[in-house]
Amino acid sequence: MRRNIKIWISFGIALLLGFPFKWIFYKGDEGISIFTIFDYGINNLFFALSTLALNTLILFGLISLLEKVRNSFSIKSKS
């Protein structure tokens, strides 16, 4: 898989799963549900983009590692 595709997949997963990772806050400490995000309004939400970037990097590393493991097993099984 190309590197750009892995980055976009990692970003998409981090964006969707970012709600449990707490990168979106409502006035500091209140937990937010994906279903009530539009009830609070965008102006009242705070975004921790560093947490989103860290989650993207972690997921990119995991996808790269899984791809390497998969490729090493497929090479051994062909031999």
PDB file of N, CA and C in Angstrom:
ATOM      1  N   MET A   1       0.852  -1.166   0.000  1.00  0.00           N
ATOM      2  CA  MET A   1       0.000   0.000   0.000  1.00  0.00           C
ATOM      3  C   MET A   1       0.901   1.233   0.000  1.00  0.00           C
ATOM      4  N   ARG A   2       0.532   2.236  -0.754  1.00  0.00           N
ATOM      5  CA  ARG A   2       1.341   3.447  -0.800  1.00  0.00           C
ATOM      6  C   ARG A   2       1.230   4.232   0.491  1.00  0.00           C
ATOM      7  N   ARG A   3       2.263   5.025   0.767  1.00  0.00           N
ATOM      8  CA  ARG A   3       2.344   5.763   2.027  1.00  0.00           C
ATOM      9  C   ARG A   3       1.229   6.795   2.151  1.00  0.00           C
ATOM     10  N   ASN A   4       0.892   7.484   1.075  1.00  0.00           N
ATOM     11  CA  ASN A   4      -0.169   8.494   1.143  1.00  0.00           C
ATOM     12  C   ASN A   4      -1.516   7.868   1.485  1.00  0.00           C
ATOM     13  N   ILE A   5      -1.771   6.703   0.945  1.00  0.00           N
ATOM     14  CA  ILE A   5      -3.033   6.020   1.243  1.00  0.00           C
ATOM     15  C   ILE A   5      -3.081   5.611   2.708  1.00  0.00           C
ATOM     16  N   LYS A   6      -1.947   5.121   3.232  1.00  0.00           N
ATOM     17  CA  LYS A   6      -1.903   4.741   4.647  1.00  0.00           C
ATOM     18  C   LYS A   6      -2.115   5.953   5.546  1.00  0.00           C
ATOM     19  N   ILE A   7      -1.566   7.101   5.156  1.00  0.00           N
ATOM     20  CA  ILE A   7      -1.746   8.318   5.962  1.00  0.00           C
ATOM     21  C   ILE A   7      -3.211   8.728   5.975  1.00  0.00           C
ATOM     22  N   TRP A   8      -3.872   8.702   4.821  1.00  0.00           N
ATOM     23  CA  TRP A   8      -5.280   9.093   4.768  1.00  0.00           C
ATOM     24  C   TRP A   8      -6.186   8.113   5.513  1.00  0.00           C
ATOM     25  N   ILE A   9      -5.878   6.837   5.410  1.00  0.00           N
ATOM     26  CA  ILE A   9      -6.652   5.839   6.163  1.00  0.00           C
ATOM     27  C   ILE A   9      -6.463   6.051   7.657  1.00  0.00           C
ATOM     28  N   SER A  10      -5.234   6.307   8.080  1.00  0.00           N
ATOM     29  CA  SER A  10      -4.945   6.555   9.501  1.00  0.00           C
ATOM     30  C   SER A  10      -5.666   7.797   9.992  1.00  0.00           C
ATOM     31  N   PHE A  11      -5.652   8.854   9.178  1.00  0.00           N
ATOM     32  CA  PHE A  11      -6.331  10.090   9.557  1.00  0.00           C
ATOM     33  C   PHE A  11      -7.837   9.878   9.663  1.00  0.00           C
ATOM     34  N   GLY A  12      -8.404   9.158   8.716  1.00  0.00           N
ATOM     35  CA  GLY A  12      -9.844   8.893   8.754  1.00  0.00           C
ATOM     36  C   GLY A  12     -10.258   8.086   9.967  1.00  0.00           C
ATOM     37  N   ILE A  13      -9.485   7.067  10.286  1.00  0.00           N
ATOM     38  CA  ILE A  13      -9.795   6.254  11.464  1.00  0.00           C
ATOM     39  C   ILE A  13      -9.639   7.082  12.731  1.00  0.00           C
ATOM     40  N   ALA A  14      -8.566   7.882  12.804  1.00  0.00           N
ATOM     41  CA  ALA A  14      -8.357   8.726  13.979  1.00  0.00           C
ATOM     42  C   ALA A  14      -9.456   9.772  14.109  1.00  0.00           C
ATOM     43  N   LEU A  15      -9.933  10.273  12.994  1.00  0.00           N
ATOM     44  CA  LEU A  15     -11.004  11.262  13.023  1.00  0.00           C
ATOM     45  C   LEU A  15     -12.307  10.645  13.514  1.00  0.00           C
ATOM     46  N   LEU A  16     -12.636   9.481  12.992  1.00  0.00           N
ATOM     47  CA  LEU A  16     -13.879   8.822  13.399  1.00  0.00           C
ATOM     48  C   LEU A  16     -13.817   8.291  14.824  1.00  0.00           C
ATOM     49  N   LEU A  17     -12.678   7.715  15.184  1.00  0.00           N
ATOM     50  CA  LEU A  17     -12.533   7.169  16.530  1.00  0.00           C
ATOM     51  C   LEU A  17     -12.014   8.211  17.519  1.00  0.00           C
ATOM     52  N   GLY A  18     -11.899   9.434  17.069  1.00  0.00           N
ATOM     53  CA  GLY A  18     -11.366  10.501  17.911  1.00  0.00           C
ATOM     54  C   GLY A  18     -12.272  10.870  19.067  1.00  0.00           C
ATOM     55  N   PHE A  19     -13.533  10.571  18.963  1.00  0.00           N
ATOM     56  CA  PHE A  19     -14.446  10.901  20.051  1.00  0.00           C
ATOM     57  C   PHE A  19     -14.109  10.123  21.320  1.00  0.00           C
ATOM     58  N   PRO A  20     -13.854   8.817  21.248  1.00  0.00           N
ATOM     59  CA  PRO A  20     -13.420   8.135  22.469  1.00  0.00           C
ATOM     60  C   PRO A  20     -12.020   8.553  22.920  1.00  0.00           C
ATOM     61  N   PHE A  21     -11.169   9.017  21.967  1.00  0.00           N
ATOM     62  CA  PHE A  21      -9.816   9.437  22.325  1.00  0.00           C
ATOM     63  C   PHE A  21      -9.793  10.834  22.925  1.00  0.00           C
ATOM     64  N   LYS A  22     -10.930  11.487  23.028  1.00  0.00           N
ATOM     65  CA  LYS A  22     -11.090  12.784  23.675  1.00  0.00           C
ATOM     66  C   LYS A  22     -10.272  13.886  23.017  1.00  0.00           C
ATOM     67  N   TRP A  23     -10.407  14.060  21.727  1.00  0.00           N
ATOM     68  CA  TRP A  23      -9.761  15.197  21.094  1.00  0.00           C
ATOM     69  C   TRP A  23     -10.744  16.333  20.839  1.00  0.00           C
ATOM     70  N   ILE A  24     -12.020  16.102  21.152  1.00  0.00           N
ATOM     71  CA  ILE A  24     -13.026  17.163  21.090  1.00  0.00           C
ATOM     72  C   ILE A  24     -13.604  17.344  22.489  1.00  0.00           C
ATOM     73  N   PHE A  25     -13.570  18.586  22.973  1.00  0.00           N
ATOM     74  CA  PHE A  25     -14.051  18.904  24.316  1.00  0.00           C
ATOM     75  C   PHE A  25     -15.174  19.920  24.233  1.00  0.00           C
ATOM     76  N   TYR A  26     -16.066  19.844  25.222  1.00  0.00           N
ATOM     77  CA  TYR A  26     -17.097  20.857  25.375  1.00  0.00           C
ATOM     78  C   TYR A  26     -16.837  21.582  26.691  1.00  0.00           C
ATOM     79  N   LYS A  27     -16.362  22.794  26.606  1.00  0.00           N
ATOM     80  CA  LYS A  27     -16.063  23.639  27.764  1.00  0.00           C
ATOM     81  C   LYS A  27     -15.177  22.936  28.769  1.00  0.00           C
ATOM     82  N   GLY A  28     -14.165  22.251  28.263  1.00  0.00           N
ATOM     83  CA  GLY A  28     -13.120  21.724  29.126  1.00  0.00           C
ATOM     84  C   GLY A  28     -13.276  20.312  29.617  1.00  0.00           C
ATOM     85  N   ASP A  29     -14.332  19.973  30.330  1.00  0.00           N
ATOM     86  CA  ASP A  29     -14.330  18.672  30.989  1.00  0.00           C
ATOM     87  C   ASP A  29     -15.527  17.796  30.677  1.00  0.00           C
ATOM     88  N   GLU A  30     -16.540  18.302  30.055  1.00  0.00           N
ATOM     89  CA  GLU A  30     -17.725  17.484  29.805  1.00  0.00           C
ATOM     90  C   GLU A  30     -17.487  16.570  28.623  1.00  0.00           C
ATOM     91  N   GLY A  31     -17.798  15.299  28.787  1.00  0.00           N
ATOM     92  CA  GLY A  31     -17.678  14.361  27.675  1.00  0.00           C
ATOM     93  C   GLY A  31     -18.707  14.673  26.610  1.00  0.00           C
ATOM     94  N   ILE A  32     -18.371  14.385  25.386  1.00  0.00           N
ATOM     95  CA  ILE A  32     -19.268  14.709  24.288  1.00  0.00           C
ATOM     96  C   ILE A  32     -19.572  13.446  23.494  1.00  0.00           C
ATOM     97  N   SER A  33     -20.795  13.306  23.119  1.00  0.00           N
ATOM     98  CA  SER A  33     -21.227  12.171  22.314  1.00  0.00           C
ATOM     99  C   SER A  33     -21.264  12.591  20.855  1.00  0.00           C
ATOM    100  N   ILE A  34     -21.057  11.633  19.991  1.00  0.00           N
ATOM    101  CA  ILE A  34     -21.085  11.923  18.553  1.00  0.00           C
ATOM    102  C   ILE A  34     -22.483  12.359  18.112  1.00  0.00           C
ATOM    103  N   PHE A  35     -23.497  11.969  18.849  1.00  0.00           N
ATOM    104  CA  PHE A  35     -24.866  12.302  18.486  1.00  0.00           C
ATOM    105  C   PHE A  35     -25.279  13.694  18.951  1.00  0.00           C
ATOM    106  N   THR A  36     -24.574  14.259  19.934  1.00  0.00           N
ATOM    107  CA  THR A  36     -24.932  15.578  20.462  1.00  0.00           C
ATOM    108  C   THR A  36     -23.955  16.668  20.067  1.00  0.00           C
ATOM    109  N   ILE A  37     -23.060  16.388  19.148  1.00  0.00           N
ATOM    110  CA  ILE A  37     -22.036  17.362  18.774  1.00  0.00           C
ATOM    111  C   ILE A  37     -22.646  18.613  18.144  1.00  0.00           C
ATOM    112  N   PHE A  38     -23.707  18.470  17.390  1.00  0.00           N
ATOM    113  CA  PHE A  38     -24.315  19.633  16.738  1.00  0.00           C
ATOM    114  C   PHE A  38     -25.248  20.391  17.674  1.00  0.00           C
ATOM    115  N   ASP A  39     -25.675  19.780  18.775  1.00  0.00           N
ATOM    116  CA  ASP A  39     -26.508  20.478  19.748  1.00  0.00           C
ATOM    117  C   ASP A  39     -25.721  21.545  20.502  1.00  0.00           C
ATOM    118  N   TYR A  40     -24.427  21.297  20.738  1.00  0.00           N
ATOM    119  CA  TYR A  40     -23.603  22.246  21.486  1.00  0.00           C
ATOM    120  C   TYR A  40     -23.171  23.439  20.643  1.00  0.00           C
ATOM    121  N   GLY A  41     -23.055  23.253  19.371  1.00  0.00           N
ATOM    122  CA  GLY A  41     -22.599  24.320  18.484  1.00  0.00           C
ATOM    123  C   GLY A  41     -21.084  24.306  18.354  1.00  0.00           C
ATOM    124  N   ILE A  42     -20.601  24.629  17.192  1.00  0.00           N
ATOM    125  CA  ILE A  42     -19.167  24.589  16.914  1.00  0.00           C
ATOM    126  C   ILE A  42     -18.413  25.618  17.757  1.00  0.00           C
ATOM    127  N   ASN A  43     -19.038  26.750  18.053  1.00  0.00           N
ATOM    128  CA  ASN A  43     -18.352  27.792  18.817  1.00  0.00           C
ATOM    129  C   ASN A  43     -18.060  27.378  20.253  1.00  0.00           C
ATOM    130  N   ASN A  44     -18.793  26.436  20.794  1.00  0.00           N
ATOM    131  CA  ASN A  44     -18.586  25.995  22.172  1.00  0.00           C
ATOM    132  C   ASN A  44     -17.675  24.780  22.293  1.00  0.00           C
ATOM    133  N   LEU A  45     -17.191  24.268  21.171  1.00  0.00           N
ATOM    134  CA  LEU A  45     -16.343  23.088  21.181  1.00  0.00           C
ATOM    135  C   LEU A  45     -14.879  23.491  21.080  1.00  0.00           C
ATOM    136  N   PHE A  46     -14.027  22.706  21.717  1.00  0.00           N
ATOM    137  CA  PHE A  46     -12.590  22.913  21.663  1.00  0.00           C
ATOM    138  C   PHE A  46     -11.950  21.664  21.079  1.00  0.00           C
ATOM    139  N   PHE A  47     -10.993  21.851  20.189  1.00  0.00           N
ATOM    140  CA  PHE A  47     -10.373  20.744  19.483  1.00  0.00           C
ATOM    141  C   PHE A  47      -8.911  20.640  19.883  1.00  0.00           C
ATOM    142  N   ALA A  48      -8.492  19.475  20.327  1.00  0.00           N
ATOM    143  CA  ALA A  48      -7.094  19.204  20.653  1.00  0.00           C
ATOM    144  C   ALA A  48      -6.455  18.540  19.441  1.00  0.00           C
ATOM    145  N   LEU A  49      -5.959  19.362  18.536  1.00  0.00           N
ATOM    146  CA  LEU A  49      -5.425  18.828  17.284  1.00  0.00           C
ATOM    147  C   LEU A  49      -4.132  18.056  17.497  1.00  0.00           C
ATOM    148  N   SER A  50      -3.408  18.351  18.566  1.00  0.00           N
ATOM    149  CA  SER A  50      -2.201  17.572  18.850  1.00  0.00           C
ATOM    150  C   SER A  50      -2.554  16.127  19.197  1.00  0.00           C
ATOM    151  N   THR A  51      -3.656  15.930  19.906  1.00  0.00           N
ATOM    152  CA  THR A  51      -4.105  14.568  20.213  1.00  0.00           C
ATOM    153  C   THR A  51      -4.546  13.854  18.944  1.00  0.00           C
ATOM    154  N   LEU A  52      -5.213  14.567  18.049  1.00  0.00           N
ATOM    155  CA  LEU A  52      -5.618  13.976  16.769  1.00  0.00           C
ATOM    156  C   LEU A  52      -4.397  13.585  15.944  1.00  0.00           C
ATOM    157  N   ALA A  53      -3.371  14.450  15.926  1.00  0.00           N
ATOM    158  CA  ALA A  53      -2.149  14.139  15.181  1.00  0.00           C
ATOM    159  C   ALA A  53      -1.424  12.947  15.794  1.00  0.00           C
ATOM    160  N   LEU A  54      -1.371  12.879  17.109  1.00  0.00           N
ATOM    161  CA  LEU A  54      -0.725  11.749  17.778  1.00  0.00           C
ATOM    162  C   LEU A  54      -1.455  10.450  17.489  1.00  0.00           C
ATOM    163  N   ASN A  55      -2.776  10.473  17.521  1.00  0.00           N
ATOM    164  CA  ASN A  55      -3.559   9.281  17.197  1.00  0.00           C
ATOM    165  C   ASN A  55      -3.344   8.854  15.752  1.00  0.00           C
ATOM    166  N   THR A  56      -3.227   9.833  14.843  1.00  0.00           N
ATOM    167  CA  THR A  56      -2.970   9.513  13.437  1.00  0.00           C
ATOM    168  C   THR A  56      -1.614   8.842  13.278  1.00  0.00           C
ATOM    169  N   LEU A  57      -0.587   9.369  13.967  1.00  0.00           N
ATOM    170  CA  LEU A  57       0.747   8.770  13.885  1.00  0.00           C
ATOM    171  C   LEU A  57       0.772   7.357  14.456  1.00  0.00           C
ATOM    172  N   ILE A  58       0.086   7.158  15.561  1.00  0.00           N
ATOM    173  CA  ILE A  58       0.036   5.817  16.165  1.00  0.00           C
ATOM    174  C   ILE A  58      -0.650   4.837  15.220  1.00  0.00           C
ATOM    175  N   LEU A  59      -1.780   5.238  14.644  1.00  0.00           N
ATOM    176  CA  LEU A  59      -2.492   4.360  13.718  1.00  0.00           C
ATOM    177  C   LEU A  59      -1.683   4.110  12.451  1.00  0.00           C
ATOM    178  N   PHE A  60      -0.947   5.119  11.965  1.00  0.00           N
ATOM    179  CA  PHE A  60      -0.087   4.939  10.802  1.00  0.00           C
ATOM    180  C   PHE A  60       0.999   3.906  11.105  1.00  0.00           C
ATOM    181  N   GLY A  61       1.582   3.983  12.299  1.00  0.00           N
ATOM    182  CA  GLY A  61       2.589   3.009  12.698  1.00  0.00           C
ATOM    183  C   GLY A  61       2.023   1.605  12.787  1.00  0.00           C
ATOM    184  N   LEU A  62       0.824   1.476  13.337  1.00  0.00           N
ATOM    185  CA  LEU A  62       0.188   0.161  13.436  1.00  0.00           C
ATOM    186  C   LEU A  62      -0.137  -0.413  12.063  1.00  0.00           C
ATOM    187  N   ILE A  63      -0.647   0.417  11.169  1.00  0.00           N
ATOM    188  CA  ILE A  63      -0.958  -0.061   9.817  1.00  0.00           C
ATOM    189  C   ILE A  63       0.315  -0.484   9.102  1.00  0.00           C
ATOM    190  N   SER A  64       1.395   0.291   9.248  1.00  0.00           N
ATOM    191  CA  SER A  64       2.668  -0.067   8.613  1.00  0.00           C
ATOM    192  C   SER A  64       3.218  -1.371   9.175  1.00  0.00           C
ATOM    193  N   LEU A  65       3.124  -1.532  10.493  1.00  0.00           N
ATOM    194  CA  LEU A  65       3.609  -2.757  11.131  1.00  0.00           C
ATOM    195  C   LEU A  65       2.803  -3.967  10.674  1.00  0.00           C
ATOM    196  N   LEU A  66       1.483  -3.824  10.639  1.00  0.00           N
ATOM    197  CA  LEU A  66       0.637  -4.932  10.187  1.00  0.00           C
ATOM    198  C   LEU A  66       0.908  -5.292   8.734  1.00  0.00           C
ATOM    199  N   GLU A  67       1.192  -4.277   7.916  1.00  0.00           N
ATOM    200  CA  GLU A  67       1.502  -4.552   6.516  1.00  0.00           C
ATOM    201  C   GLU A  67       2.830  -5.289   6.379  1.00  0.00           C
ATOM    202  N   LYS A  68       3.822  -4.907   7.184  1.00  0.00           N
ATOM    203  CA  LYS A  68       5.110  -5.603   7.148  1.00  0.00           C
ATOM    204  C   LYS A  68       4.965  -7.050   7.594  1.00  0.00           C
ATOM    205  N   VAL A  69       4.200  -7.276   8.645  1.00  0.00           N
ATOM    206  CA  VAL A  69       3.982  -8.641   9.142  1.00  0.00           C
ATOM    207  C   VAL A  69       3.245  -9.467   8.099  1.00  0.00           C
ATOM    208  N   ARG A  70       2.233  -8.881   7.490  1.00  0.00           N
ATOM    209  CA  ARG A  70       1.469  -9.593   6.459  1.00  0.00           C
ATOM    210  C   ARG A  70       2.351  -9.939   5.267  1.00  0.00           C
ATOM    211  N   ASN A  71       3.195  -8.989   4.860  1.00  0.00           N
ATOM    212  CA  ASN A  71       4.089  -9.240   3.722  1.00  0.00           C
ATOM    213  C   ASN A  71       5.134 -10.289   4.054  1.00  0.00           C
ATOM    214  N   SER A  72       5.638 -10.300   5.276  1.00  0.00           N
ATOM    215  CA  SER A  72       6.645 -11.307   5.639  1.00  0.00           C
ATOM    216  C   SER A  72       6.034 -12.708   5.665  1.00  0.00           C
ATOM    217  N   PHE A  73       4.784 -12.819   6.115  1.00  0.00           N
ATOM    218  CA  PHE A  73       4.125 -14.126   6.109  1.00  0.00           C
ATOM    219  C   PHE A  73       3.783 -14.575   4.695  1.00  0.00           C
ATOM    220  N   SER A  74       3.410 -13.645   3.838  1.00  0.00           N
ATOM    221  CA  SER A  74       3.049 -14.039   2.470  1.00  0.00           C
ATOM    222  C   SER A  74       4.297 -14.459   1.685  1.00  0.00           C
ATOM    223  N   ILE A  75       5.452 -13.878   1.964  1.00  0.00           N
ATOM    224  CA  ILE A  75       6.685 -14.270   1.287  1.00  0.00           C
ATOM    225  C   ILE A  75       7.106 -15.660   1.762  1.00  0.00           C
ATOM    226  N   LYS A  76       6.977 -15.915   3.057  1.00  0.00           N
ATOM    227  CA  LYS A  76       7.371 -17.230   3.593  1.00  0.00           C
ATOM    228  C   LYS A  76       6.435 -18.329   3.096  1.00  0.00           C
ATOM    229  N   SER A  77       5.159 -18.009   2.954  1.00  0.00           N
ATOM    230  CA  SER A  77       4.223 -19.041   2.522  1.00  0.00           C
ATOM    231  C   SER A  77       4.397 -19.378   1.034  1.00  0.00           C
ATOM    232  N   LYS A  78       4.903 -18.440   0.236  1.00  0.00           N
ATOM    233  CA  LYS A  78       5.124 -18.702  -1.180  1.00  0.00           C
ATOM    234  C   LYS A  78       6.345 -19.567  -1.415  1.00  0.00           C
ATOM    235  N   SER A  79       7.310 -19.527  -0.509  1.00  0.00           N
ATOM    236  CA  SER A  79       8.551 -20.285  -0.675  1.00  0.00           C
ATOM    237  C   SER A  79       8.368 -21.766  -0.439  1.00  0.00           C
TER     238      SER A  79
END
